[in-house]
């Protein structure tokens, strides 16, 4: 009589061009992994060999396999290279175009002047379908602007507190020159009615000094419902995220201009960098006097500018197209203050 003790195994296999990888999870406890040479032309042989090896490692038998999940890098590569069947993509609703916009390839990864090649996506737009299941949740959605490097945690905490009872909370600031910013239009009782972009604003609205910082905290269900109703009936023919403000109860938290104004040109980048370094000098823990990191940012106008700070506190401007980093000796930059003797 066999003394074999029944085990329950869950196995996953990935067939690559050179190696076939296999992993196994055993219900009784234990995780096992193995790698065997692939067998081009007879791919099943490599799969059988890998499975046999992992079953032996688990001290089990083939009949103990409960689940067997098979994937293949070879097939995936064929799809990516457009050598297989026509492909359709299911993705989170609203992101059907984001992957095509955000994914790119660089033949010269460290050449900051290299023009980005036009990407070839897995499927044309007509074969991409958005699904709403992943958006069906309760809670808050925080939307931040990538070109606001001086934003403080305390300001975000005020935003969270202000959102209670409202559909969306946003951060605003007052400026002497609101050119280019969306204006905060308030009702007679002081509540936020809407945000109007400059090209859509009336002459009277353009005089408003309170502007939008493009930072929001919204109720998830409200946000995704409001986004579906956003259209392009505006002067620029674009989808404005700011349109969600008029579709629910909105509140605004006012912050300092120096903290939340964005970086759109070299002058603004220089001002933000100077303020960041000024704040850094006030906090000894922020400056590492033994070594530093220098980040050279290649801006879209091809004008590099140095930003120097500790790695965990580094923020790069949104209009960077690439960056390289290096470790440099102590105090190589005019931005740093030498230690006092």
Foldseek 3Di string as FASTA:
>chain_A
DDPADAWAKAKEWEAEPFKIKMWIAIPVDDIDIDIDGADPPCRVVRVVVRVVVRCVVVSHDPVNYDHYHYHYPVVVVCLQVVNDDQDAEEEAPPCLCVCQVPDWDDPDAPPQPDDTDRDDDSHDSVRYDHDHPVLPDWDKDKWDDQQQLQADPVLVVVLVVVCVPWFKEFEKEFDPQCPQFWAFDADPVGFTQFTHGPQQDDPVRNVHRIGGLRIMMGTSVLLVVLQVVFAQPGPVSDGDSRRSPNVIGYHYDYDYCLRRPGDDDPVNVVSNLLVVLVVQVVDVVFDDQFWWKWKWFQAPVRDTDIRITHPVSDRDGPRGPHIDMDIDGGPPDPSDDHDDD
